[in-house]
C-alpha atoms as a PDB file:
ATOM      1  CA  MET A   1       0.000   0.000   0.000  1.00  0.00           C
ATOM      2  CA  GLN A   2       1.444   3.324  -1.034  1.00  0.00           C
ATOM      3  CA  ASN A   3       1.681   6.214   1.353  1.00  0.00           C
ATOM      4  CA  LYS A   4      -0.512   9.229   0.887  1.00  0.00           C
ATOM      5  CA  PRO A   5       1.244  12.240  -0.643  1.00  0.00           C
ATOM      6  CA  ASN A   6       2.904  14.265   2.102  1.00  0.00           C
ATOM      7  CA  LEU A   7       2.017  17.750   0.922  1.00  0.00           C
ATOM      8  CA  LYS A   8       1.902  20.929   2.921  1.00  0.00           C
ATOM      9  CA  ARG A   9      -0.229  23.908   2.122  1.00  0.00           C
ATOM     10  CA  SER A  10       1.861  27.012   1.595  1.00  0.00           C
ATOM     11  CA  GLN A  11      -0.122  30.149   2.287  1.00  0.00           C
ATOM     12  CA  MET A  12       0.892  33.752   1.864  1.00  0.00           C
ATOM     13  CA  SER A  13      -0.937  36.984   1.395  1.00  0.00           C
ATOM     14  CA  VAL A  14      -0.925  37.968  -2.256  1.00  0.00           C
ATOM     15  CA  THR A  15       1.211  40.982  -1.513  1.00  0.00           C
ATOM     16  CA  SER A  16       3.656  39.025   0.580  1.00  0.00           C
ATOM     17  CA  MET A  17       4.612  37.402  -2.717  1.00  0.00           C
ATOM     18  CA  ILE A  18       5.312  40.774  -4.216  1.00  0.00           C
ATOM     19  CA  THR A  19       7.031  42.313  -1.237  1.00  0.00           C
ATOM     20  CA  MET A  20       9.370  39.441  -0.432  1.00  0.00           C
ATOM     21  CA  ARG A  21      12.274  41.598  -1.612  1.00  0.00           C
ATOM     22  CA  TYR A  22      11.397  45.202  -0.860  1.00  0.00           C
ATOM     23  CA  ALA A  23      14.664  46.425   0.693  1.00  0.00           C
ATOM     24  CA  ASN A  24      15.733  47.976  -2.605  1.00  0.00           C
ATOM     25  CA  MET A  25      12.795  50.051  -3.808  1.00  0.00           C
ATOM     26  CA  ASP A  26      14.238  50.275  -7.313  1.00  0.00           C
ATOM     27  CA  THR A  27      13.985  46.504  -7.744  1.00  0.00           C
ATOM     28  CA  TRP A  28      10.730  45.982  -5.841  1.00  0.00           C
ATOM     29  CA  LEU A  29       8.596  45.372  -8.923  1.00  0.00           C
ATOM     30  CA  PHE A  30       6.087  42.694  -9.734  1.00  0.00           C
ATOM     31  CA  ARG A  31       6.614  42.139 -13.442  1.00  0.00           C
ATOM     32  CA  LYS A  32       6.005  40.767 -15.158  1.00  0.00           C
ATOM     33  CA  ASN A  33       4.726   6.300 -10.296  1.00  0.00           C
ATOM     34  CA  LYS A  34       7.127   3.790 -10.689  1.00  0.00           C
ATOM     35  CA  PRO A  35       6.553   1.145 -13.462  1.00  0.00           C
ATOM     36  CA  ASN A  36       3.727  -1.289 -12.718  1.00  0.00           C
ATOM     37  CA  SER A  37       2.806   0.513  -9.516  1.00  0.00           C
ATOM     38  CA  LYS A  38      -0.806   1.187  -8.625  1.00  0.00           C
ATOM     39  CA  PRO A  39      -2.101   4.753  -8.969  1.00  0.00           C
ATOM     40  CA  ILE A  40      -1.975   6.824  -5.813  1.00  0.00           C
ATOM     41  CA  LYS A  41      -5.470   7.333  -4.448  1.00  0.00           C
ATOM     42  CA  PRO A  42      -5.132   9.831  -1.618  1.00  0.00           C
ATOM     43  CA  LYS A  43      -8.001   9.698   0.853  1.00  0.00           C
ATOM     44  CA  THR A  44      -7.514  13.309   1.795  1.00  0.00           C
ATOM     45  CA  ASN A  45      -7.248  16.556  -0.072  1.00  0.00           C
ATOM     46  CA  PRO A  46      -3.565  16.568  -1.206  1.00  0.00           C
ATOM     47  CA  ILE A  47      -3.342  20.349  -0.862  1.00  0.00           C
ATOM     48  CA  ASN A  48      -4.895  20.476   2.600  1.00  0.00           C
ATOM     49  CA  PRO A  49      -4.835  17.076   4.365  1.00  0.00           C
ATOM     50  CA  LYS A  50      -7.431  18.303   6.886  1.00  0.00           C
ATOM     51  CA  GLN A  51      -9.983  18.470   4.103  1.00  0.00           C
ATOM     52  CA  SER A  52     -11.471  15.243   2.774  1.00  0.00           C
ATOM     53  CA  GLN A  53     -12.922  16.628  -0.421  1.00  0.00           C
ATOM     54  CA  PHE A  54     -12.477  19.115  -3.197  1.00  0.00           C
ATOM     55  CA  LYS A  55     -15.022  21.766  -4.011  1.00  0.00           C
ATOM     56  CA  ALA A  56     -16.069  21.224  -7.621  1.00  0.00           C
ATOM     57  CA  ASN A  57     -16.581  24.658  -9.083  1.00  0.00           C
ATOM     58  CA  TRP A  58     -16.051  26.359 -12.445  1.00  0.00           C
ATOM     59  CA  SER A  59     -15.027  29.868 -11.428  1.00  0.00           C
ATOM     60  CA  GLU A  60     -14.070  32.873 -13.496  1.00  0.00           C
ATOM     61  CA  ALA A  61     -10.371  33.516 -13.967  1.00  0.00           C
ATOM     62  CA  GLN A  62      -8.984  35.492 -11.038  1.00  0.00           C
ATOM     63  CA  ILE A  63      -6.671  38.330 -11.931  1.00  0.00           C
ATOM     64  CA  LEU A  64      -3.618  38.410  -9.697  1.00  0.00           C
ATOM     65  CA  SER A  65      -1.719  41.138 -11.486  1.00  0.00           C
ATOM     66  CA  LEU A  66      -1.263  43.997  -9.047  1.00  0.00           C
ATOM     67  CA  SER A  67       0.887  46.366 -11.072  1.00  0.00           C
ATOM     68  CA  LYS A  68      -1.518  49.322 -10.920  1.00  0.00           C
ATOM     69  CA  GLU A  69      -1.997  49.151  -7.156  1.00  0.00           C
ATOM     70  CA  GLN A  70       1.688  48.564  -6.597  1.00  0.00           C
ATOM     71  CA  THR A  71       2.593  51.596  -8.658  1.00  0.00           C
ATOM     72  CA  GLN A  72       0.216  53.727  -6.600  1.00  0.00           C
ATOM     73  CA  PHE A  73       1.699  52.383  -3.399  1.00  0.00           C
ATOM     74  CA  LEU A  74       5.255  53.031  -4.564  1.00  0.00           C
ATOM     75  CA  GLN A  75       4.291  56.637  -5.219  1.00  0.00           C
ATOM     76  CA  ILE A  76       2.969  56.934  -1.678  1.00  0.00           C
ATOM     77  CA  LEU A  77       6.172  55.458  -0.263  1.00  0.00           C
ATOM     78  CA  LYS A  78       8.543  57.548  -2.375  1.00  0.00           C
ATOM     79  CA  GLY A  79      11.279  58.905  -0.127  1.00  0.00           C
ATOM     80  CA  ARG A  80      10.187  56.855   2.892  1.00  0.00           C
ATOM     81  CA  THR A  81      11.600  53.814   4.608  1.00  0.00           C
ATOM     82  CA  VAL A  82       9.629  50.653   3.930  1.00  0.00           C
ATOM     83  CA  GLU A  83       8.771  49.421   7.407  1.00  0.00           C
ATOM     84  CA  GLY A  84       6.789  46.441   8.589  1.00  0.00           C
ATOM     85  CA  THR A  85       3.736  48.492   9.550  1.00  0.00           C
ATOM     86  CA  ILE A  86       3.427  50.012   6.092  1.00  0.00           C
ATOM     87  CA  ILE A  87       3.852  46.646   4.408  1.00  0.00           C
ATOM     88  CA  LYS A  88       1.150  45.149   6.641  1.00  0.00           C
ATOM     89  CA  MET A  89      -1.213  47.959   5.676  1.00  0.00           C
ATOM     90  CA  TYR A  90      -0.544  47.317   2.002  1.00  0.00           C
ATOM     91  CA  ASN A  91      -0.985  43.564   2.447  1.00  0.00           C
ATOM     92  CA  LYS A  92      -4.359  44.120   4.093  1.00  0.00           C
ATOM     93  CA  MET A  93      -5.525  46.467   1.340  1.00  0.00           C
ATOM     94  CA  ILE A  94      -4.664  44.053  -1.471  1.00  0.00           C
ATOM     95  CA  MET A  95      -5.871  40.942   0.358  1.00  0.00           C
ATOM     96  CA  GLU A  96      -9.280  42.498   0.864  1.00  0.00           C
ATOM     97  CA  LYS A  97      -9.492  43.405  -2.813  1.00  0.00           C
ATOM     98  CA  TYR A  98      -8.087  40.305  -4.490  1.00  0.00           C
ATOM     99  CA  SER A  99      -8.233  37.286  -2.224  1.00  0.00           C
ATOM    100  CA  GLN A 100     -11.617  35.951  -1.159  1.00  0.00           C
ATOM    101  CA  ASN A 101     -10.026  33.672   1.419  1.00  0.00           C
ATOM    102  CA  LYS A 102      -7.419  36.248   2.484  1.00  0.00           C
ATOM    103  CA  LYS A 103      -4.734  33.708   1.567  1.00  0.00           C
ATOM    104  CA  CYS A 104      -3.250  32.346  -1.624  1.00  0.00           C
ATOM    105  CA  THR A 105      -2.176  28.750  -2.150  1.00  0.00           C
ATOM    106  CA  LEU A 106       1.180  28.178  -3.825  1.00  0.00           C
ATOM    107  CA  MET A 107       1.621  24.833  -5.573  1.00  0.00           C
ATOM    108  CA  THR A 108       4.838  22.917  -6.216  1.00  0.00           C
ATOM    109  CA  LYS A 109       5.202  20.506  -9.132  1.00  0.00           C
ATOM    110  CA  ASP A 110       4.692  17.569  -6.728  1.00  0.00           C
ATOM    111  CA  GLN A 111       1.448  19.113  -5.523  1.00  0.00           C
ATOM    112  CA  VAL A 112       0.328  19.560  -9.122  1.00  0.00           C
ATOM    113  CA  ARG A 113       0.835  15.824  -9.683  1.00  0.00           C
ATOM    114  CA  ALA A 114      -1.020  15.036  -6.456  1.00  0.00           C
ATOM    115  CA  VAL A 115      -4.006  17.154  -7.483  1.00  0.00           C
ATOM    116  CA  ASP A 116      -4.145  15.414 -10.863  1.00  0.00           C
ATOM    117  CA  SER A 117      -3.980  12.027  -9.142  1.00  0.00           C
ATOM    118  CA  TRP A 118      -6.691  13.041  -6.681  1.00  0.00           C
ATOM    119  CA  ALA A 119      -9.017  14.287  -9.398  1.00  0.00           C
ATOM    120  CA  ILE A 120      -8.530  11.322 -11.733  1.00  0.00           C
ATOM    121  CA  ASN A 121      -8.059   8.346  -9.403  1.00  0.00           C
ATOM    122  CA  THR A 122     -10.144   9.350  -6.381  1.00  0.00           C
ATOM    123  CA  LEU A 123     -12.866  11.616  -7.741  1.00  0.00           C
ATOM    124  CA  GLY A 124     -13.036   9.710 -11.015  1.00  0.00           C
ATOM    125  CA  ILE A 125     -12.804  12.730 -13.308  1.00  0.00           C
ATOM    126  CA  PRO A 126     -11.254  11.562 -16.602  1.00  0.00           C
ATOM    127  CA  GLY A 127      -8.021  13.289 -17.532  1.00  0.00           C
ATOM    128  CA  VAL A 128      -9.497  14.310 -20.857  1.00  0.00           C
ATOM    129  CA  VAL A 129     -12.199  16.257 -18.971  1.00  0.00           C
ATOM    130  CA  LEU A 130      -9.579  18.133 -16.957  1.00  0.00           C
ATOM    131  CA  MET A 131      -7.760  18.902 -20.208  1.00  0.00           C
ATOM    132  CA  GLU A 132     -10.987  20.138 -21.771  1.00  0.00           C
ATOM    133  CA  ASN A 133     -11.636  22.446 -18.827  1.00  0.00           C
ATOM    134  CA  ALA A 134      -8.084  23.770 -18.913  1.00  0.00           C
ATOM    135  CA  GLY A 135      -8.136  24.472 -22.626  1.00  0.00           C
ATOM    136  CA  ARG A 136     -11.571  26.029 -22.526  1.00  0.00           C
ATOM    137  CA  SER A 137     -10.586  28.417 -19.739  1.00  0.00           C
ATOM    138  CA  CYS A 138      -7.632  29.590 -21.818  1.00  0.00           C
ATOM    139  CA  ALA A 139      -9.784  29.960 -24.927  1.00  0.00           C
ATOM    140  CA  GLU A 140     -12.295  32.131 -23.073  1.00  0.00           C
ATOM    141  CA  LEU A 141      -9.569  34.511 -21.937  1.00  0.00           C
ATOM    142  CA  ILE A 142      -8.057  34.636 -25.429  1.00  0.00           C
ATOM    143  CA  LYS A 143     -11.435  35.527 -26.909  1.00  0.00           C
ATOM    144  CA  GLU A 144     -11.833  38.285 -24.342  1.00  0.00           C
ATOM    145  CA  LYS A 145      -8.347  39.655 -24.993  1.00  0.00           C
ATOM    146  CA  LEU A 146      -8.820  39.675 -28.776  1.00  0.00           C
ATOM    147  CA  LYS A 147     -12.451  40.818 -28.788  1.00  0.00           C
ATOM    148  CA  PRO A 148     -11.646  44.203 -30.420  1.00  0.00           C
ATOM    149  CA  ILE A 149      -9.916  42.495 -33.373  1.00  0.00           C
ATOM    150  CA  THR A 150     -11.801  41.466 -36.509  1.00  0.00           C
ATOM    151  CA  ASN A 151     -10.962  37.970 -37.794  1.00  0.00           C
ATOM    152  CA  PRO A 152      -8.230  37.336 -35.210  1.00  0.00           C
ATOM    153  CA  LYS A 153      -5.403  34.913 -35.894  1.00  0.00           C
ATOM    154  CA  VAL A 154      -3.598  32.865 -33.265  1.00  0.00           C
ATOM    155  CA  CYS A 155      -0.612  30.558 -33.597  1.00  0.00           C
ATOM    156  CA  ILE A 156      -0.428  27.708 -31.091  1.00  0.00           C
ATOM    157  CA  PHE A 157       2.899  25.976 -30.479  1.00  0.00           C
ATOM    158  CA  CYS A 158       2.260  22.543 -28.966  1.00  0.00           C
ATOM    159  CA  GLY A 159       4.674  20.141 -27.339  1.00  0.00           C
ATOM    160  CA  THR A 160       4.157  16.384 -27.381  1.00  0.00           C
ATOM    161  CA  GLY A 161       2.784  16.139 -23.825  1.00  0.00           C
ATOM    162  CA  ASN A 162      -0.350  17.251 -21.998  1.00  0.00           C
ATOM    163  CA  ASN A 163       0.516  20.942 -22.260  1.00  0.00           C
ATOM    164  CA  GLY A 164       0.282  20.469 -26.008  1.00  0.00           C
ATOM    165  CA  GLY A 165      -3.027  18.685 -25.437  1.00  0.00           C
ATOM    166  CA  ASP A 166      -4.348  21.829 -23.760  1.00  0.00           C
ATOM    167  CA  GLY A 167      -3.249  23.658 -26.899  1.00  0.00           C
ATOM    168  CA  TYR A 168      -5.337  21.368 -29.130  1.00  0.00           C
ATOM    169  CA  VAL A 169      -8.406  22.047 -26.981  1.00  0.00           C
ATOM    170  CA  ILE A 170      -7.753  25.789 -27.235  1.00  0.00           C
ATOM    171  CA  ALA A 171      -7.455  25.470 -31.005  1.00  0.00           C
ATOM    172  CA  ARG A 172     -10.823  23.708 -31.302  1.00  0.00           C
ATOM    173  CA  HIS A 173     -12.689  26.274 -29.212  1.00  0.00           C
ATOM    174  CA  LEU A 174     -11.134  29.193 -31.081  1.00  0.00           C
ATOM    175  CA  LEU A 175     -11.828  27.527 -34.428  1.00  0.00           C
ATOM    176  CA  ASN A 176     -15.474  27.144 -33.426  1.00  0.00           C
ATOM    177  CA  SER A 177     -15.521  30.858 -32.562  1.00  0.00           C
ATOM    178  CA  GLY A 178     -14.372  31.910 -36.014  1.00  0.00           C
ATOM    179  CA  PHE A 179     -10.681  32.440 -35.311  1.00  0.00           C
ATOM    180  CA  LYS A 180      -7.986  31.709 -37.841  1.00  0.00           C
ATOM    181  CA  VAL A 181      -5.893  29.084 -36.070  1.00  0.00           C
ATOM    182  CA  VAL A 182      -2.424  27.764 -36.846  1.00  0.00           C
ATOM    183  CA  VAL A 183      -1.367  24.711 -34.824  1.00  0.00           C
ATOM    184  CA  VAL A 184       2.297  23.713 -34.821  1.00  0.00           C
ATOM    185  CA  ILE A 185       3.480  20.426 -33.303  1.00  0.00           C
ATOM    186  CA  CYS A 186       7.038  20.915 -32.085  1.00  0.00           C
ATOM    187  CA  GLY A 187       8.794  17.565 -31.951  1.00  0.00           C
ATOM    188  CA  ASP A 188       7.963  14.002 -32.942  1.00  0.00           C
ATOM    189  CA  ARG A 189       4.255  13.716 -33.715  1.00  0.00           C
ATOM    190  CA  GLN A 190       4.346  10.001 -32.853  1.00  0.00           C
ATOM    191  CA  LYS A 191       5.097  10.890 -29.226  1.00  0.00           C
ATOM    192  CA  VAL A 192       1.682  12.513 -28.750  1.00  0.00           C
ATOM    193  CA  LYS A 193      -0.229  10.002 -26.612  1.00  0.00           C
ATOM    194  CA  GLY A 194      -3.231   9.617 -24.318  1.00  0.00           C
ATOM    195  CA  ASP A 195      -5.544  12.566 -23.735  1.00  0.00           C
ATOM    196  CA  ALA A 196      -3.418  14.826 -25.928  1.00  0.00           C
ATOM    197  CA  LYS A 197      -3.728  12.359 -28.822  1.00  0.00           C
ATOM    198  CA  ILE A 198      -7.505  12.278 -28.390  1.00  0.00           C
ATOM    199  CA  ASN A 199      -7.696  16.042 -28.840  1.00  0.00           C
ATOM    200  CA  LEU A 200      -5.223  16.042 -31.724  1.00  0.00           C
ATOM    201  CA  ASP A 201      -7.374  13.435 -33.509  1.00  0.00           C
ATOM    202  CA  ILE A 202     -10.457  15.624 -33.014  1.00  0.00           C
ATOM    203  CA  LEU A 203      -8.697  18.569 -34.653  1.00  0.00           C
ATOM    204  CA  GLU A 204      -7.733  16.436 -37.623  1.00  0.00           C
ATOM    205  CA  LYS A 205     -11.348  15.292 -38.026  1.00  0.00           C
ATOM    206  CA  LEU A 206     -12.310  18.983 -38.157  1.00  0.00           C
ATOM    207  CA  ASP A 207      -9.967  19.288 -41.153  1.00  0.00           C
ATOM    208  CA  LEU A 208      -7.691  21.798 -39.451  1.00  0.00           C
ATOM    209  CA  PRO A 209      -4.237  21.543 -41.043  1.00  0.00           C
ATOM    210  CA  ILE A 210      -1.622  20.638 -38.433  1.00  0.00           C
ATOM    211  CA  GLU A 211       1.850  22.015 -39.047  1.00  0.00           C
ATOM    212  CA  GLN A 212       4.956  20.072 -38.073  1.00  0.00           C
ATOM    213  CA  LEU A 213       8.197  21.659 -36.871  1.00  0.00           C
ATOM    214  CA  ASN A 214      11.245  19.408 -36.906  1.00  0.00           C
ATOM    215  CA  LEU A 215      13.527  21.143 -34.441  1.00  0.00           C
ATOM    216  CA  LYS A 216      16.690  19.342 -35.518  1.00  0.00           C
ATOM    217  CA  ASP A 217      16.473  19.534 -39.284  1.00  0.00           C
ATOM    218  CA  GLU A 218      14.857  22.852 -40.097  1.00  0.00           C
ATOM    219  CA  ASP A 219      15.605  26.568 -39.965  1.00  0.00           C
ATOM    220  CA  VAL A 220      13.580  27.118 -36.798  1.00  0.00           C
ATOM    221  CA  PRO A 221      13.662  30.957 -36.655  1.00  0.00           C
ATOM    222  CA  THR A 222      12.492  31.238 -40.267  1.00  0.00           C
ATOM    223  CA  ARG A 223       9.709  28.690 -39.788  1.00  0.00           C
ATOM    224  CA  VAL A 224       8.500  30.336 -36.574  1.00  0.00           C
ATOM    225  CA  LYS A 225       8.418  33.703 -38.316  1.00  0.00           C
ATOM    226  CA  ALA A 226       6.358  32.199 -41.148  1.00  0.00           C
ATOM    227  CA  PHE A 227       3.899  30.466 -38.806  1.00  0.00           C
ATOM    228  CA  THR A 228       3.316  33.632 -36.782  1.00  0.00           C
ATOM    229  CA  ALA A 229       3.045  36.053 -39.700  1.00  0.00           C
ATOM    230  CA  ASP A 230       0.120  38.429 -39.052  1.00  0.00           C
ATOM    231  CA  ALA A 231      -0.760  36.581 -35.827  1.00  0.00           C
ATOM    232  CA  ASP A 232      -2.557  38.575 -33.156  1.00  0.00           C
ATOM    233  CA  MET A 233      -1.433  36.241 -30.365  1.00  0.00           C
ATOM    234  CA  ILE A 234       0.921  33.308 -29.840  1.00  0.00           C
ATOM    235  CA  ILE A 235      -0.104  30.479 -27.510  1.00  0.00           C
ATOM    236  CA  ASP A 236       2.703  28.700 -25.673  1.00  0.00           C
ATOM    237  CA  GLY A 237       1.734  25.062 -25.130  1.00  0.00           C
ATOM    238  CA  LEU A 238       5.216  23.530 -25.269  1.00  0.00           C
ATOM    239  CA  PHE A 239       6.024  22.432 -21.712  1.00  0.00           C
ATOM    240  CA  GLY A 240       4.073  22.199 -18.476  1.00  0.00           C
ATOM    241  CA  THR A 241       4.933  22.222 -14.783  1.00  0.00           C
ATOM    242  CA  GLY A 242       6.735  18.862 -14.858  1.00  0.00           C
ATOM    243  CA  LEU A 243       9.732  20.186 -16.784  1.00  0.00           C
ATOM    244  CA  SER A 244      13.073  19.559 -15.068  1.00  0.00           C
ATOM    245  CA  GLY A 245      16.686  19.767 -16.119  1.00  0.00           C
ATOM    246  CA  PRO A 246      18.192  22.080 -18.726  1.00  0.00           C
ATOM    247  CA  LEU A 247      16.485  22.537 -22.082  1.00  0.00           C
ATOM    248  CA  ARG A 248      18.056  21.086 -25.203  1.00  0.00           C
ATOM    249  CA  ASP A 249      19.706  23.562 -27.536  1.00  0.00           C
ATOM    250  CA  ASP A 250      17.028  23.102 -30.204  1.00  0.00           C
ATOM    251  CA  TYR A 251      14.266  23.987 -27.729  1.00  0.00           C
ATOM    252  CA  ILE A 252      16.250  26.994 -26.546  1.00  0.00           C
ATOM    253  CA  GLN A 253      16.403  28.157 -30.163  1.00  0.00           C
ATOM    254  CA  LEU A 254      12.654  27.578 -30.560  1.00  0.00           C
ATOM    255  CA  ILE A 255      11.755  29.553 -27.429  1.00  0.00           C
ATOM    256  CA  GLU A 256      14.077  32.406 -28.335  1.00  0.00           C
ATOM    257  CA  SER A 257      12.495  32.496 -31.805  1.00  0.00           C
ATOM    258  CA  ILE A 258       9.030  32.705 -30.235  1.00  0.00           C
ATOM    259  CA  ASN A 259      10.178  35.482 -27.902  1.00  0.00           C
ATOM    260  CA  ALA A 260      11.465  37.426 -30.904  1.00  0.00           C
ATOM    261  CA  CYS A 261       7.992  37.590 -32.468  1.00  0.00           C
ATOM    262  CA  ASP A 262       6.235  40.940 -32.386  1.00  0.00           C
ATOM    263  CA  CYS A 263       2.921  39.911 -30.826  1.00  0.00           C
ATOM    264  CA  PRO A 264       1.636  39.046 -27.344  1.00  0.00           C
ATOM    265  CA  ILE A 265       2.203  35.559 -25.955  1.00  0.00           C
ATOM    266  CA  LEU A 266      -0.162  33.639 -23.682  1.00  0.00           C
ATOM    267  CA  ALA A 267       1.452  30.824 -21.687  1.00  0.00           C
ATOM    268  CA  VAL A 268      -0.630  27.765 -20.821  1.00  0.00           C
ATOM    269  CA  ASP A 269      -0.232  26.942 -17.093  1.00  0.00           C
ATOM    270  CA  ILE A 270       3.431  28.051 -16.971  1.00  0.00           C
ATOM    271  CA  PRO A 271       5.828  29.762 -19.381  1.00  0.00           C
ATOM    272  CA  SER A 272       7.700  26.990 -21.189  1.00  0.00           C
ATOM    273  CA  GLY A 273      11.237  26.618 -19.889  1.00  0.00           C
ATOM    274  CA  MET A 274      10.479  27.891 -16.379  1.00  0.00           C
ATOM    275  CA  ASP A 275      11.068  25.673 -13.365  1.00  0.00           C
ATOM    276  CA  CYS A 276       7.758  25.369 -11.511  1.00  0.00           C
ATOM    277  CA  ASP A 277       9.298  25.479  -8.037  1.00  0.00           C
ATOM    278  CA  SER A 278      12.136  27.992  -8.396  1.00  0.00           C
ATOM    279  CA  GLY A 279      10.817  30.271 -11.133  1.00  0.00           C
ATOM    280  CA  GLN A 280      14.223  30.132 -12.811  1.00  0.00           C
ATOM    281  CA  PRO A 281      14.530  29.614 -16.590  1.00  0.00           C
ATOM    282  CA  LEU A 282      16.075  26.242 -17.413  1.00  0.00           C
ATOM    283  CA  GLY A 283      18.330  27.726 -20.062  1.00  0.00           C
ATOM    284  CA  THR A 284      15.678  30.124 -21.305  1.00  0.00           C
ATOM    285  CA  ALA A 285      11.917  30.569 -20.954  1.00  0.00           C
ATOM    286  CA  VAL A 286       9.012  32.021 -22.878  1.00  0.00           C
ATOM    287  CA  LYS A 287       8.448  35.686 -22.037  1.00  0.00           C
ATOM    288  CA  ALA A 288       4.669  35.735 -21.882  1.00  0.00           C
ATOM    289  CA  SER A 289       2.381  38.738 -21.830  1.00  0.00           C
ATOM    290  CA  CYS A 290       0.052  36.721 -19.619  1.00  0.00           C
ATOM    291  CA  THR A 291      -0.112  33.260 -18.087  1.00  0.00           C
ATOM    292  CA  VAL A 292      -3.258  31.232 -17.435  1.00  0.00           C
ATOM    293  CA  THR A 293      -2.311  28.860 -14.638  1.00  0.00           C
ATOM    294  CA  PHE A 294      -4.589  26.132 -13.328  1.00  0.00           C
ATOM    295  CA  VAL A 295      -5.965  25.527  -9.806  1.00  0.00           C
ATOM    296  CA  ALA A 296      -3.477  27.822  -8.019  1.00  0.00           C
ATOM    297  CA  VAL A 297      -0.419  30.020  -8.438  1.00  0.00           C
ATOM    298  CA  LYS A 298       2.754  27.991  -8.865  1.00  0.00           C
ATOM    299  CA  LYS A 299       5.470  28.370  -6.251  1.00  0.00           C
ATOM    300  CA  GLY A 300       8.050  29.636  -8.731  1.00  0.00           C
ATOM    301  CA  PHE A 301       5.837  32.523  -9.834  1.00  0.00           C
ATOM    302  CA  VAL A 302       6.699  34.495  -6.698  1.00  0.00           C
ATOM    303  CA  SER A 303      10.458  34.434  -7.267  1.00  0.00           C
ATOM    304  CA  GLU A 304      12.262  37.656  -8.030  1.00  0.00           C
ATOM    305  CA  CYS A 305      12.885  36.851 -11.697  1.00  0.00           C
ATOM    306  CA  ALA A 306       9.623  35.089 -12.591  1.00  0.00           C
ATOM    307  CA  ALA A 307       7.371  38.038 -13.355  1.00  0.00           C
ATOM    308  CA  SER A 308       9.383  39.021 -16.438  1.00  0.00           C
ATOM    309  CA  TYR A 309       8.369  35.620 -17.886  1.00  0.00           C
ATOM    310  CA  THR A 310       4.821  35.133 -16.558  1.00  0.00           C
ATOM    311  CA  GLY A 311       3.454  38.585 -17.331  1.00  0.00           C
ATOM    312  CA  GLU A 312      -0.087  39.078 -16.049  1.00  0.00           C
ATOM    313  CA  ILE A 313      -1.226  36.002 -14.111  1.00  0.00           C
ATOM    314  CA  PHE A 314      -4.709  34.510 -14.262  1.00  0.00           C
ATOM    315  CA  VAL A 315      -5.787  31.548 -12.131  1.00  0.00           C
ATOM    316  CA  ALA A 316      -8.442  29.357 -13.758  1.00  0.00           C
ATOM    317  CA  SER A 317     -10.362  26.357 -12.471  1.00  0.00           C
ATOM    318  CA  ILE A 318     -10.183  22.995 -14.222  1.00  0.00           C
ATOM    319  CA  GLY A 319     -13.249  21.716 -12.387  1.00  0.00           C
ATOM    320  CA  VAL A 320     -11.705  20.925  -8.999  1.00  0.00           C
ATOM    321  CA  GLU A 321     -10.283  23.317  -6.458  1.00  0.00           C
ATOM    322  CA  PRO A 322      -8.717  22.919  -3.020  1.00  0.00           C
ATOM    323  CA  VAL A 323     -11.162  23.737  -0.239  1.00  0.00           C
ATOM    324  CA  SER A 324      -9.888  26.497   2.035  1.00  0.00           C
END
């Protein structure tokens, strides 16, 4: 019998994330199972062991970007010493405005896996349903962001894993909404399996042409430029939260080519190339205009360097949420 996941809930006020390094006011800116083993079926909520259930709820994306309020606060503090009392006042102001529960859960990559296991193996929600919810939440935000544009075009770069599967779901919803959609599989198409393959097959049945980018044999910068020509937004669906170890040189070239494009980038769950726990780029990372992350903010997002990669952060439900 396998042990239950030993996960601790990490709670901070939203502004504590931002003000972790406030000594230097010039830099205080919020920018942007083993083989053959049985699935883990935790009997308790893996985010909060005291809770025995998740609250199933499809909520609107919660905006966590605080740049406007922070700017106002910096103006108030100009020329003053940042002391604990002032920081507490600011924390209280932002918590009351942005956090319904007055606290914000931060998730590590291990906790992400535990939540997926809980939802699929204990609650019985199929993985393809979670993927559908994730992709749909991204598509809704994209439609809102591009509402002023007539006949919008998006280019979706998909990896061969589940993050790419989210990208295929996004593509279908945008296609159904009248968008011009370009889908690019980056890597070996034969490696697309499981829930991601299901959604790729659906796209093919809808007669949407699927582009292929061979990272080792092709002029990647030129191909990326061609795929994204006249695009109103790029969708980053290359890598998810499970990424570890340094990126290969060909993926570094791909990400740098995407970053060089002159249009906004939306990252799915996490900017590709970023370590979920540390927030550090693993060689390089996508510099997104905004990130739609699922269930909760990832631990690495509060690091000093992360905001220049995540951009504006939205938290979206995938159908299950930790109960506070």
